[in-house]
Amino acid sequence: MKIDKEIFRDMVKFYGDVLHLPPLAAKIYSYLIFDFDRNGVSFDEVVEIFSASKSAVSSNLNLLLNLNIITDFNKIDERKRFFVMNEKYMKIRFEEIIEKMESELSILNKLKDFRNTIDEEALRKFTVYADLFEKNISNIKETIDQL
């Protein structure tokens, strides 16, 4: 598998920060993204590639599996499990973002009703903020439908 080291480093940092992954999990996930042919990478290969202990690799692979960030499969003629990035993860991630945005919008609406202000500037700002949420939710939903 061919990997660009600079892109790999950027991905490790990005996914570690955004997905709140431990360093090894971020490295494994970033590495699997480069498996464009989706051949999968075995447990032993991950241990060798990252020079990590079997225990560390196992716990980080399990974390990624539990978060639905990666999936695993077995080849017919082998007992080994092979790991690949979850092609559906972007959809899952965007659905989670929508849920959070809808929750925040609901809370803001309740707060607006509770405050019950007649201050036009405060109402204008709230409307701008709520419209932004609604447009982003709509755009993300449209994107998910295309995935």
Protein backbone atom coordinates (compact mmCIF):
# COMPACT_ATOMS: atom_id res chain seq x y z
CA MET A 1 0.00 0.00 0.00
CA LYS A 2 1.37 3.39 -0.98
CA ILE A 3 1.23 6.14 1.64
CA ASP A 4 2.14 9.82 1.55
CA LYS A 5 3.85 10.46 4.90
CA GLU A 6 2.92 14.14 5.07
CA ILE A 7 -0.76 13.48 4.36
CA PHE A 8 -0.64 10.59 6.84
CA ARG A 9 0.75 12.88 9.58
CA ASP A 10 -1.93 15.49 8.85
CA MET A 11 -4.64 12.83 9.00
CA VAL A 12 -3.37 11.40 12.29
CA LYS A 13 -3.44 14.84 13.90
CA PHE A 14 -6.81 15.73 12.40
CA TYR A 15 -8.63 12.49 13.26
CA GLY A 16 -7.00 12.36 16.68
CA ASP A 17 -8.36 15.83 17.45
CA VAL A 18 -11.75 15.65 15.74
CA LEU A 19 -12.68 12.10 16.73
CA HIS A 20 -10.91 12.30 20.12
CA LEU A 21 -8.86 9.20 19.31
CA PRO A 22 -5.74 8.04 21.13
CA PRO A 23 -2.59 8.39 18.99
CA LEU A 24 -2.39 4.72 17.96
CA ALA A 25 -6.08 4.57 17.03
CA ALA A 26 -5.67 7.74 14.92
CA LYS A 27 -2.66 6.18 13.19
CA ILE A 28 -4.49 2.91 12.49
CA TYR A 29 -7.55 4.70 11.11
CA SER A 30 -5.44 7.03 8.96
CA TYR A 31 -3.45 4.09 7.64
CA LEU A 32 -6.61 2.19 6.71
CA ILE A 33 -7.88 5.17 4.71
CA PHE A 34 -4.96 4.62 2.32
CA ASP A 35 -6.28 1.09 1.61
CA PHE A 36 -8.12 2.36 -1.46
CA ASP A 37 -8.61 -1.16 -2.86
CA ARG A 38 -10.14 -2.28 0.47
CA ASN A 39 -7.97 -5.38 0.68
CA GLY A 40 -7.87 -4.98 4.44
CA VAL A 41 -4.96 -4.99 6.86
CA SER A 42 -4.49 -7.89 9.26
CA PHE A 43 -3.90 -7.60 13.00
CA ASP A 44 -0.32 -8.85 12.60
CA GLU A 45 0.37 -6.29 9.89
CA VAL A 46 -0.85 -3.48 12.16
CA VAL A 47 1.42 -4.72 14.98
CA GLU A 48 4.38 -4.80 12.59
CA ILE A 49 3.68 -1.48 10.82
CA PHE A 50 3.37 0.53 14.04
CA SER A 51 5.81 -1.49 16.16
CA ALA A 52 3.19 -1.60 18.88
CA SER A 53 2.34 -4.31 21.37
CA LYS A 54 -0.42 -6.77 20.54
CA SER A 55 -2.36 -5.54 23.56
CA ALA A 56 -2.19 -1.91 22.45
CA VAL A 57 -3.17 -2.78 18.88
CA SER A 58 -6.01 -4.98 20.08
CA SER A 59 -7.50 -2.34 22.38
CA ASN A 60 -7.21 0.39 19.74
CA LEU A 61 -8.74 -1.78 17.01
CA ASN A 62 -11.59 -2.65 19.38
CA LEU A 63 -12.11 1.04 20.11
CA LEU A 64 -12.32 1.83 16.39
CA LEU A 65 -14.69 -1.10 15.83
CA ASN A 66 -16.93 -0.04 18.73
CA LEU A 67 -17.09 3.51 17.37
CA ASN A 68 -18.05 2.12 13.91
CA ILE A 69 -15.06 3.92 12.42
CA ILE A 70 -13.67 0.68 10.97
CA THR A 71 -15.08 -2.74 10.12
CA ASP A 72 -13.53 -6.17 9.89
CA PHE A 73 -13.99 -9.22 7.70
CA ASN A 74 -12.56 -12.69 7.17
CA LYS A 75 -11.35 -13.99 3.83
CA ILE A 76 -12.78 -17.36 2.85
CA ASP A 77 -9.46 -19.18 2.86
CA GLU A 78 -8.00 -17.55 6.00
CA ARG A 79 -8.80 -17.37 9.71
CA LYS A 80 -7.28 -13.89 10.04
CA ARG A 81 -9.47 -10.85 10.47
CA PHE A 82 -8.80 -7.97 8.13
CA PHE A 83 -9.63 -4.38 8.96
CA VAL A 84 -10.85 -1.61 6.65
CA MET A 85 -12.29 1.83 7.19
CA ASN A 86 -16.08 1.84 7.47
CA GLU A 87 -17.42 3.28 4.21
CA LYS A 88 -20.62 4.24 6.05
CA TYR A 89 -18.78 6.17 8.76
CA MET A 90 -19.10 9.59 7.08
CA LYS A 91 -22.87 9.10 6.95
CA ILE A 92 -22.91 8.03 10.61
CA ARG A 93 -20.74 11.02 11.56
CA PHE A 94 -22.95 13.52 9.73
CA GLU A 95 -26.10 12.00 11.27
CA GLU A 96 -24.54 12.54 14.71
CA ILE A 97 -23.75 16.15 13.80
CA ILE A 98 -27.38 16.69 12.74
CA GLU A 99 -28.63 15.25 16.03
CA LYS A 100 -26.40 17.62 18.01
CA MET A 101 -27.43 20.63 15.93
CA GLU A 102 -31.14 19.78 16.25
CA SER A 103 -30.74 19.38 20.01
CA GLU A 104 -29.00 22.73 20.32
CA LEU A 105 -31.64 24.40 18.15
CA SER A 106 -34.38 22.93 20.35
CA ILE A 107 -32.67 24.23 23.49
CA LEU A 108 -32.26 27.68 21.93
CA ASN A 109 -35.96 27.78 21.02
CA LYS A 110 -36.91 26.87 24.58
CA LEU A 111 -34.55 29.54 25.91
CA LYS A 112 -36.03 32.12 23.54
CA ASP A 113 -39.55 31.25 24.70
CA PHE A 114 -38.48 31.37 28.34
CA ARG A 115 -36.75 34.73 27.94
CA ASN A 116 -39.81 36.17 26.20
CA THR A 117 -38.02 39.35 25.16
CA ILE A 118 -39.27 42.14 22.94
CA ASP A 119 -35.72 43.37 22.32
CA GLU A 120 -35.61 43.49 18.51
CA GLU A 121 -31.82 43.17 18.31
CA ALA A 122 -31.80 40.06 20.51
CA LEU A 123 -34.60 38.52 18.43
CA ARG A 124 -32.78 39.37 15.18
CA LYS A 125 -29.58 37.71 16.40
CA PHE A 126 -31.50 34.65 17.53
CA THR A 127 -33.23 34.40 14.14
CA VAL A 128 -29.89 34.63 12.31
CA TYR A 129 -28.43 31.93 14.56
CA ALA A 130 -31.47 29.65 14.23
CA ASP A 131 -31.54 30.12 10.43
CA LEU A 132 -27.89 29.14 10.26
CA PHE A 133 -28.61 25.92 12.15
CA GLU A 134 -31.63 25.11 9.97
CA LYS A 135 -29.73 25.74 6.71
CA ASN A 136 -26.78 23.64 7.85
CA ILE A 137 -29.06 20.82 8.98
CA SER A 138 -30.83 20.91 5.62
CA ASN A 139 -27.54 20.95 3.67
CA ILE A 140 -26.10 18.05 5.64
CA LYS A 141 -29.31 16.02 5.17
CA GLU A 142 -29.14 16.62 1.40
CA THR A 143 -25.51 15.50 1.39
CA ILE A 144 -26.33 12.35 3.37
CA ASP A 145 -29.05 11.48 0.85
CA GLN A 146 -26.39 11.60 -1.89
CA LEU A 147 -23.95 9.32 -0.06
